């Protein structure tokens, strides 16, 4: 289970580093609390505080590659802050939440715009060449694809739980299409660390899941 006190401290550190520690500005803890309430909503199975913690941990691993690592950390907080599995506009709504909350919290217009841009980038996970902030956030978000077998199996089970309302055949078809789209990409990861440490394992996991989906039936069938 995620350590909520530690998460609040991590949000405070990122926001203060990005905006400055001005006592006249709002307390970061109120924004951390509101975001954590979102990340703990009951419809979530994978996109929980555990996922948030993992993404933040991976951003820390990749931080030297980012131009503005604290803005990337704030983008990690907002990237799935709005999450309804039956909706397709979650990233856009999450970006708009950042655009409302961060100026109120004291972040500059430029900083807010960068956070919102990064959140929107998680729709495609396809940062432009040289977009170092985008490369770090996208690699951190996709790092679960390179998890050890047990953790990867838990991830796929949690994703299925989030989409429990989708019939089994439709889920297999949709999930298989996503896996194929990922596998045909020339690179899953854009940072040097991600390419060297995560790419081979992620491709193995994706191919194995795709094969399983094509040869077995969902237990919920």
C-alpha atoms as a PDB file:
ATOM      1  CA  UNK A   1       0.000   0.000   0.000  1.00  0.00           C
ATOM      2  CA  UNK A   2       1.234   3.476  -0.864  1.00  0.00           C
ATOM      3  CA  UNK A   3       2.527   5.676   1.954  1.00  0.00           C
ATOM      4  CA  UNK A   4       0.194   8.680   1.804  1.00  0.00           C
ATOM      5  CA  UNK A   5       2.323  10.799   4.125  1.00  0.00           C
ATOM      6  CA  UNK A   6       5.358  10.206   1.937  1.00  0.00           C
ATOM      7  CA  UNK A   7       3.341  11.032  -1.177  1.00  0.00           C
ATOM      8  CA  UNK A   8       2.196  14.329   0.335  1.00  0.00           C
ATOM      9  CA  UNK A   9       5.826  15.170   1.119  1.00  0.00           C
ATOM     10  CA  UNK A  10       6.854  14.340  -2.447  1.00  0.00           C
ATOM     11  CA  UNK A  11       4.171  16.606  -3.881  1.00  0.00           C
ATOM     12  CA  UNK A  12       5.198  19.414  -1.546  1.00  0.00           C
ATOM     13  CA  UNK A  13       8.839  19.065  -2.560  1.00  0.00           C
ATOM     14  CA  UNK A  14       8.033  19.103  -6.286  1.00  0.00           C
ATOM     15  CA  UNK A  15       5.676  22.069  -6.093  1.00  0.00           C
ATOM     16  CA  UNK A  16       7.974  24.140  -3.898  1.00  0.00           C
ATOM     17  CA  UNK A  17      10.941  23.377  -6.152  1.00  0.00           C
ATOM     18  CA  UNK A  18       8.932  24.423  -9.209  1.00  0.00           C
ATOM     19  CA  UNK A  19       7.288  27.566  -7.819  1.00  0.00           C
ATOM     20  CA  UNK A  20       9.523  28.656  -4.927  1.00  0.00           C
ATOM     21  CA  UNK A  21       8.857  28.483  -1.202  1.00  0.00           C
ATOM     22  CA  UNK A  22       6.900  31.708  -0.746  1.00  0.00           C
ATOM     23  CA  UNK A  23       4.869  31.709   2.503  1.00  0.00           C
ATOM     24  CA  UNK A  24       2.317  33.992   0.856  1.00  0.00           C
ATOM     25  CA  UNK A  25       1.353  31.219  -1.574  1.00  0.00           C
ATOM     26  CA  UNK A  26      -1.120  28.429  -0.732  1.00  0.00           C
ATOM     27  CA  UNK A  27      -0.011  25.409   1.263  1.00  0.00           C
ATOM     28  CA  UNK A  28       0.891  22.551  -1.129  1.00  0.00           C
ATOM     29  CA  UNK A  29      -0.660  20.006   1.239  1.00  0.00           C
ATOM     30  CA  UNK A  30      -4.212  21.020   0.347  1.00  0.00           C
ATOM     31  CA  UNK A  31      -3.532  20.237  -3.318  1.00  0.00           C
ATOM     32  CA  UNK A  32      -1.775  16.983  -2.470  1.00  0.00           C
ATOM     33  CA  UNK A  33      -4.785  15.919  -0.380  1.00  0.00           C
ATOM     34  CA  UNK A  34      -7.228  16.722  -3.185  1.00  0.00           C
ATOM     35  CA  UNK A  35      -5.152  14.793  -5.709  1.00  0.00           C
ATOM     36  CA  UNK A  36      -4.769  11.801  -3.409  1.00  0.00           C
ATOM     37  CA  UNK A  37      -8.544  11.693  -2.980  1.00  0.00           C
ATOM     38  CA  UNK A  38      -8.798  11.333  -6.746  1.00  0.00           C
ATOM     39  CA  UNK A  39      -6.108   8.656  -6.940  1.00  0.00           C
ATOM     40  CA  UNK A  40      -7.982   6.627  -4.303  1.00  0.00           C
ATOM     41  CA  UNK A  41     -11.383   6.579  -6.036  1.00  0.00           C
ATOM     42  CA  UNK A  42     -13.189   3.206  -5.927  1.00  0.00           C
ATOM     43  CA  UNK A  43     -13.334   2.590  -9.700  1.00  0.00           C
ATOM     44  CA  UNK A  44      -9.541   2.331  -9.876  1.00  0.00           C
ATOM     45  CA  UNK A  45      -7.686  -0.975  -9.794  1.00  0.00           C
ATOM     46  CA  UNK A  46      -4.425  -0.237 -11.601  1.00  0.00           C
ATOM     47  CA  UNK A  47      -4.480   3.576 -11.772  1.00  0.00           C
ATOM     48  CA  UNK A  48      -4.140   3.918  -8.013  1.00  0.00           C
ATOM     49  CA  UNK A  49      -1.718   5.534  -5.586  1.00  0.00           C
ATOM     50  CA  UNK A  50       0.527   2.502  -6.155  1.00  0.00           C
ATOM     51  CA  UNK A  51       0.774   3.435  -9.856  1.00  0.00           C
ATOM     52  CA  UNK A  52       1.375   7.079  -8.932  1.00  0.00           C
ATOM     53  CA  UNK A  53       4.181   6.035  -6.588  1.00  0.00           C
ATOM     54  CA  UNK A  54       5.736   3.814  -9.243  1.00  0.00           C
ATOM     55  CA  UNK A  55       5.673   6.577 -11.853  1.00  0.00           C
ATOM     56  CA  UNK A  56       7.224   9.046  -9.422  1.00  0.00           C
ATOM     57  CA  UNK A  57       9.915   6.495  -8.539  1.00  0.00           C
ATOM     58  CA  UNK A  58      10.695   5.993 -12.227  1.00  0.00           C
ATOM     59  CA  UNK A  59      10.815   9.749 -12.813  1.00  0.00           C
ATOM     60  CA  UNK A  60      13.397   9.908 -10.024  1.00  0.00           C
ATOM     61  CA  UNK A  61      15.462   7.231 -11.782  1.00  0.00           C
ATOM     62  CA  UNK A  62      15.306   9.188 -15.049  1.00  0.00           C
ATOM     63  CA  UNK A  63      15.478  12.691 -13.550  1.00  0.00           C
ATOM     64  CA  UNK A  64      18.927  13.539 -14.896  1.00  0.00           C
ATOM     65  CA  UNK A  65      17.566  13.192 -18.435  1.00  0.00           C
ATOM     66  CA  UNK A  66      14.780  15.753 -17.868  1.00  0.00           C
ATOM     67  CA  UNK A  67      15.212  19.474 -18.443  1.00  0.00           C
ATOM     68  CA  UNK A  68      12.730  20.298 -15.660  1.00  0.00           C
ATOM     69  CA  UNK A  69      12.341  17.214 -13.462  1.00  0.00           C
ATOM     70  CA  UNK A  70      10.057  18.858 -10.908  1.00  0.00           C
ATOM     71  CA  UNK A  71       7.583  19.831 -13.614  1.00  0.00           C
ATOM     72  CA  UNK A  72       7.706  16.222 -14.810  1.00  0.00           C
ATOM     73  CA  UNK A  73       6.950  15.112 -11.249  1.00  0.00           C
ATOM     74  CA  UNK A  74       3.949  17.428 -11.111  1.00  0.00           C
ATOM     75  CA  UNK A  75       2.795  16.053 -14.469  1.00  0.00           C
ATOM     76  CA  UNK A  76       3.030  12.547 -12.992  1.00  0.00           C
ATOM     77  CA  UNK A  77       0.679  13.640 -10.211  1.00  0.00           C
ATOM     78  CA  UNK A  78      -1.859  14.990 -12.688  1.00  0.00           C
ATOM     79  CA  UNK A  79      -1.511  12.503 -15.565  1.00  0.00           C
ATOM     80  CA  UNK A  80      -4.270  10.157 -14.330  1.00  0.00           C
ATOM     81  CA  UNK A  81      -5.851  12.452 -11.763  1.00  0.00           C
ATOM     82  CA  UNK A  82      -9.106  12.174 -13.697  1.00  0.00           C
ATOM     83  CA  UNK A  83      -9.730   8.526 -14.479  1.00  0.00           C
ATOM     84  CA  UNK A  84     -13.009   6.929 -15.482  1.00  0.00           C
ATOM     85  CA  UNK A  85     -12.455   3.668 -17.382  1.00  0.00           C
ATOM     86  CA  UNK A  86     -15.533   4.154 -19.558  1.00  0.00           C
ATOM     87  CA  UNK A  87     -14.426   7.593 -20.763  1.00  0.00           C
ATOM     88  CA  UNK A  88     -11.950   8.459 -23.503  1.00  0.00           C
ATOM     89  CA  UNK A  89     -11.091  12.024 -22.488  1.00  0.00           C
ATOM     90  CA  UNK A  90      -9.362  11.313 -19.165  1.00  0.00           C
ATOM     91  CA  UNK A  91      -6.009  12.804 -20.189  1.00  0.00           C
ATOM     92  CA  UNK A  92      -7.619  15.987 -21.477  1.00  0.00           C
ATOM     93  CA  UNK A  93      -9.690  16.392 -18.328  1.00  0.00           C
ATOM     94  CA  UNK A  94      -6.582  15.721 -16.216  1.00  0.00           C
ATOM     95  CA  UNK A  95      -4.668  18.399 -18.139  1.00  0.00           C
ATOM     96  CA  UNK A  96      -7.490  20.882 -17.609  1.00  0.00           C
ATOM     97  CA  UNK A  97      -7.469  20.086 -13.888  1.00  0.00           C
ATOM     98  CA  UNK A  98      -3.768  20.948 -13.829  1.00  0.00           C
ATOM     99  CA  UNK A  99      -4.480  24.194 -15.693  1.00  0.00           C
ATOM    100  CA  UNK A 100      -7.006  25.159 -13.019  1.00  0.00           C
ATOM    101  CA  UNK A 101      -5.190  24.000  -9.893  1.00  0.00           C
ATOM    102  CA  UNK A 102      -1.549  24.856 -10.495  1.00  0.00           C
ATOM    103  CA  UNK A 103      -1.869  28.617 -11.090  1.00  0.00           C
ATOM    104  CA  UNK A 104      -3.956  28.804  -7.915  1.00  0.00           C
ATOM    105  CA  UNK A 105      -1.192  26.867  -6.155  1.00  0.00           C
ATOM    106  CA  UNK A 106       1.351  29.471  -7.260  1.00  0.00           C
ATOM    107  CA  UNK A 107       2.979  27.853 -10.287  1.00  0.00           C
ATOM    108  CA  UNK A 108       3.893  30.177 -13.151  1.00  0.00           C
ATOM    109  CA  UNK A 109       1.949  30.233 -16.382  1.00  0.00           C
ATOM    110  CA  UNK A 110       4.861  28.682 -18.249  1.00  0.00           C
ATOM    111  CA  UNK A 111       5.234  25.934 -15.663  1.00  0.00           C
ATOM    112  CA  UNK A 112       1.514  25.188 -15.719  1.00  0.00           C
ATOM    113  CA  UNK A 113       1.503  25.040 -19.516  1.00  0.00           C
ATOM    114  CA  UNK A 114       4.391  22.571 -19.497  1.00  0.00           C
ATOM    115  CA  UNK A 115       2.700  20.310 -16.950  1.00  0.00           C
ATOM    116  CA  UNK A 116      -0.527  20.319 -18.969  1.00  0.00           C
ATOM    117  CA  UNK A 117       1.381  19.613 -22.180  1.00  0.00           C
ATOM    118  CA  UNK A 118       3.083  16.633 -20.574  1.00  0.00           C
ATOM    119  CA  UNK A 119      -0.202  15.265 -19.271  1.00  0.00           C
ATOM    120  CA  UNK A 120      -1.716  15.466 -22.764  1.00  0.00           C
ATOM    121  CA  UNK A 121       1.338  13.672 -24.135  1.00  0.00           C
ATOM    122  CA  UNK A 122       0.328  10.531 -22.240  1.00  0.00           C
ATOM    123  CA  UNK A 123      -2.469  10.007 -24.761  1.00  0.00           C
ATOM    124  CA  UNK A 124       0.086   8.797 -27.318  1.00  0.00           C
ATOM    125  CA  UNK A 125       3.318   8.360 -25.328  1.00  0.00           C
ATOM    126  CA  UNK A 126       5.036   9.718 -28.427  1.00  0.00           C
ATOM    127  CA  UNK A 127       7.264  12.663 -27.467  1.00  0.00           C
ATOM    128  CA  UNK A 128       9.011  14.562 -30.234  1.00  0.00           C
ATOM    129  CA  UNK A 129      12.770  14.081 -30.636  1.00  0.00           C
ATOM    130  CA  UNK A 130      14.554  16.247 -28.086  1.00  0.00           C
ATOM    131  CA  UNK A 131      11.517  16.545 -25.794  1.00  0.00           C
ATOM    132  CA  UNK A 132      13.439  15.439 -22.735  1.00  0.00           C
ATOM    133  CA  UNK A 133      10.676  16.174 -20.237  1.00  0.00           C
ATOM    134  CA  UNK A 134       8.219  14.239 -22.380  1.00  0.00           C
ATOM    135  CA  UNK A 135      10.605  11.335 -22.795  1.00  0.00           C
ATOM    136  CA  UNK A 136      10.992  11.006 -19.035  1.00  0.00           C
ATOM    137  CA  UNK A 137       7.274  11.122 -18.246  1.00  0.00           C
ATOM    138  CA  UNK A 138       6.332   8.694 -21.025  1.00  0.00           C
ATOM    139  CA  UNK A 139       9.086   6.231 -20.122  1.00  0.00           C
ATOM    140  CA  UNK A 140       8.149   6.414 -16.443  1.00  0.00           C
ATOM    141  CA  UNK A 141       4.488   5.764 -17.236  1.00  0.00           C
ATOM    142  CA  UNK A 142       5.291   2.789 -19.491  1.00  0.00           C
ATOM    143  CA  UNK A 143       7.923   1.259 -17.202  1.00  0.00           C
ATOM    144  CA  UNK A 144       5.327  -1.223 -15.875  1.00  0.00           C
ATOM    145  CA  UNK A 145       5.630  -2.989 -19.244  1.00  0.00           C
ATOM    146  CA  UNK A 146       9.108  -4.097 -18.186  1.00  0.00           C
ATOM    147  CA  UNK A 147       8.024  -5.454 -14.802  1.00  0.00           C
ATOM    148  CA  UNK A 148       9.015  -8.962 -13.634  1.00  0.00           C
ATOM    149  CA  UNK A 149       6.520 -11.695 -14.572  1.00  0.00           C
ATOM    150  CA  UNK A 150       4.463 -11.669 -11.364  1.00  0.00           C
ATOM    151  CA  UNK A 151       4.167  -7.873 -11.298  1.00  0.00           C
ATOM    152  CA  UNK A 152       3.281  -7.780 -14.993  1.00  0.00           C
ATOM    153  CA  UNK A 153       0.589 -10.417 -14.461  1.00  0.00           C
ATOM    154  CA  UNK A 154      -0.827  -8.368 -11.571  1.00  0.00           C
ATOM    155  CA  UNK A 155      -0.851  -5.274 -13.795  1.00  0.00           C
ATOM    156  CA  UNK A 156      -2.777  -7.015 -16.578  1.00  0.00           C
ATOM    157  CA  UNK A 157      -5.266  -8.419 -14.052  1.00  0.00           C
ATOM    158  CA  UNK A 158      -5.851  -4.966 -12.573  1.00  0.00           C
ATOM    159  CA  UNK A 159      -6.389  -3.458 -16.017  1.00  0.00           C
ATOM    160  CA  UNK A 160      -8.968  -6.171 -16.736  1.00  0.00           C
ATOM    161  CA  UNK A 161     -10.720  -5.366 -13.447  1.00  0.00           C
ATOM    162  CA  UNK A 162     -10.917  -1.682 -14.387  1.00  0.00           C
ATOM    163  CA  UNK A 163     -12.634  -2.704 -17.629  1.00  0.00           C
ATOM    164  CA  UNK A 164     -14.910  -5.286 -16.004  1.00  0.00           C
ATOM    165  CA  UNK A 165     -17.897  -3.813 -17.862  1.00  0.00           C
ATOM    166  CA  UNK A 166     -16.389  -4.713 -21.266  1.00  0.00           C
ATOM    167  CA  UNK A 167     -17.409  -8.165 -22.580  1.00  0.00           C
ATOM    168  CA  UNK A 168     -14.587 -10.675 -22.689  1.00  0.00           C
ATOM    169  CA  UNK A 169     -14.344 -10.996 -26.457  1.00  0.00           C
ATOM    170  CA  UNK A 170     -14.381  -7.231 -26.915  1.00  0.00           C
ATOM    171  CA  UNK A 171     -11.733  -6.776 -24.245  1.00  0.00           C
ATOM    172  CA  UNK A 172      -9.431  -9.350 -25.832  1.00  0.00           C
ATOM    173  CA  UNK A 173      -9.853  -7.708 -29.220  1.00  0.00           C
ATOM    174  CA  UNK A 174      -9.179  -4.204 -27.904  1.00  0.00           C
ATOM    175  CA  UNK A 175      -6.290  -5.190 -25.667  1.00  0.00           C
ATOM    176  CA  UNK A 176      -4.684  -7.214 -28.463  1.00  0.00           C
ATOM    177  CA  UNK A 177      -4.884  -4.223 -30.784  1.00  0.00           C
ATOM    178  CA  UNK A 178      -3.119  -2.053 -28.201  1.00  0.00           C
ATOM    179  CA  UNK A 179      -0.379  -4.636 -27.741  1.00  0.00           C
ATOM    180  CA  UNK A 180       0.181  -4.913 -31.492  1.00  0.00           C
ATOM    181  CA  UNK A 181       0.388  -1.133 -31.808  1.00  0.00           C
ATOM    182  CA  UNK A 182       3.054  -1.069 -29.116  1.00  0.00           C
ATOM    183  CA  UNK A 183       5.039  -3.937 -30.583  1.00  0.00           C
ATOM    184  CA  UNK A 184       5.320  -2.344 -34.038  1.00  0.00           C
ATOM    185  CA  UNK A 185       6.823   0.837 -32.599  1.00  0.00           C
ATOM    186  CA  UNK A 186      10.529   1.149 -33.375  1.00  0.00           C
ATOM    187  CA  UNK A 187      11.116   2.039 -29.723  1.00  0.00           C
ATOM    188  CA  UNK A 188       8.902   1.762 -26.661  1.00  0.00           C
ATOM    189  CA  UNK A 189      11.263   3.869 -24.540  1.00  0.00           C
ATOM    190  CA  UNK A 190      12.993   7.108 -25.489  1.00  0.00           C
ATOM    191  CA  UNK A 191      15.496   7.720 -22.700  1.00  0.00           C
ATOM    192  CA  UNK A 192      18.872   5.936 -22.866  1.00  0.00           C
ATOM    193  CA  UNK A 193      18.118   4.249 -19.538  1.00  0.00           C
ATOM    194  CA  UNK A 194      14.711   3.047 -20.696  1.00  0.00           C
ATOM    195  CA  UNK A 195      16.042   1.716 -23.979  1.00  0.00           C
ATOM    196  CA  UNK A 196      18.866  -0.226 -22.341  1.00  0.00           C
ATOM    197  CA  UNK A 197      17.146  -1.409 -19.140  1.00  0.00           C
ATOM    198  CA  UNK A 198      13.453  -1.767 -20.006  1.00  0.00           C
ATOM    199  CA  UNK A 199      12.975  -2.254 -23.741  1.00  0.00           C
ATOM    200  CA  UNK A 200      13.892  -5.980 -24.092  1.00  0.00           C
ATOM    201  CA  UNK A 201      11.814  -7.106 -21.105  1.00  0.00           C
ATOM    202  CA  UNK A 202       8.848  -4.951 -22.116  1.00  0.00           C
ATOM    203  CA  UNK A 203       8.791  -6.430 -25.615  1.00  0.00           C
ATOM    204  CA  UNK A 204       8.949  -9.940 -24.178  1.00  0.00           C
ATOM    205  CA  UNK A 205       6.039  -9.192 -21.803  1.00  0.00           C
ATOM    206  CA  UNK A 206       3.906  -7.636 -24.533  1.00  0.00           C
ATOM    207  CA  UNK A 207       4.483 -10.532 -26.932  1.00  0.00           C
ATOM    208  CA  UNK A 208       3.720 -13.086 -24.221  1.00  0.00           C
ATOM    209  CA  UNK A 209       0.490 -11.328 -23.260  1.00  0.00           C
ATOM    210  CA  UNK A 210      -0.572 -11.082 -26.889  1.00  0.00           C
ATOM    211  CA  UNK A 211       0.023 -14.801 -27.378  1.00  0.00           C
ATOM    212  CA  UNK A 212      -1.953 -15.596 -24.226  1.00  0.00           C
ATOM    213  CA  UNK A 213      -4.886 -13.476 -25.363  1.00  0.00           C
ATOM    214  CA  UNK A 214      -4.940 -15.250 -28.707  1.00  0.00           C
ATOM    215  CA  UNK A 215      -4.929 -18.769 -27.244  1.00  0.00           C
ATOM    216  CA  UNK A 216      -6.923 -18.618 -24.006  1.00  0.00           C
ATOM    217  CA  UNK A 217     -10.346 -17.435 -22.946  1.00  0.00           C
ATOM    218  CA  UNK A 218     -10.973 -14.813 -20.284  1.00  0.00           C
ATOM    219  CA  UNK A 219     -11.930 -16.438 -16.916  1.00  0.00           C
ATOM    220  CA  UNK A 220     -14.935 -14.132 -16.895  1.00  0.00           C
ATOM    221  CA  UNK A 221     -16.314 -15.587 -20.142  1.00  0.00           C
END
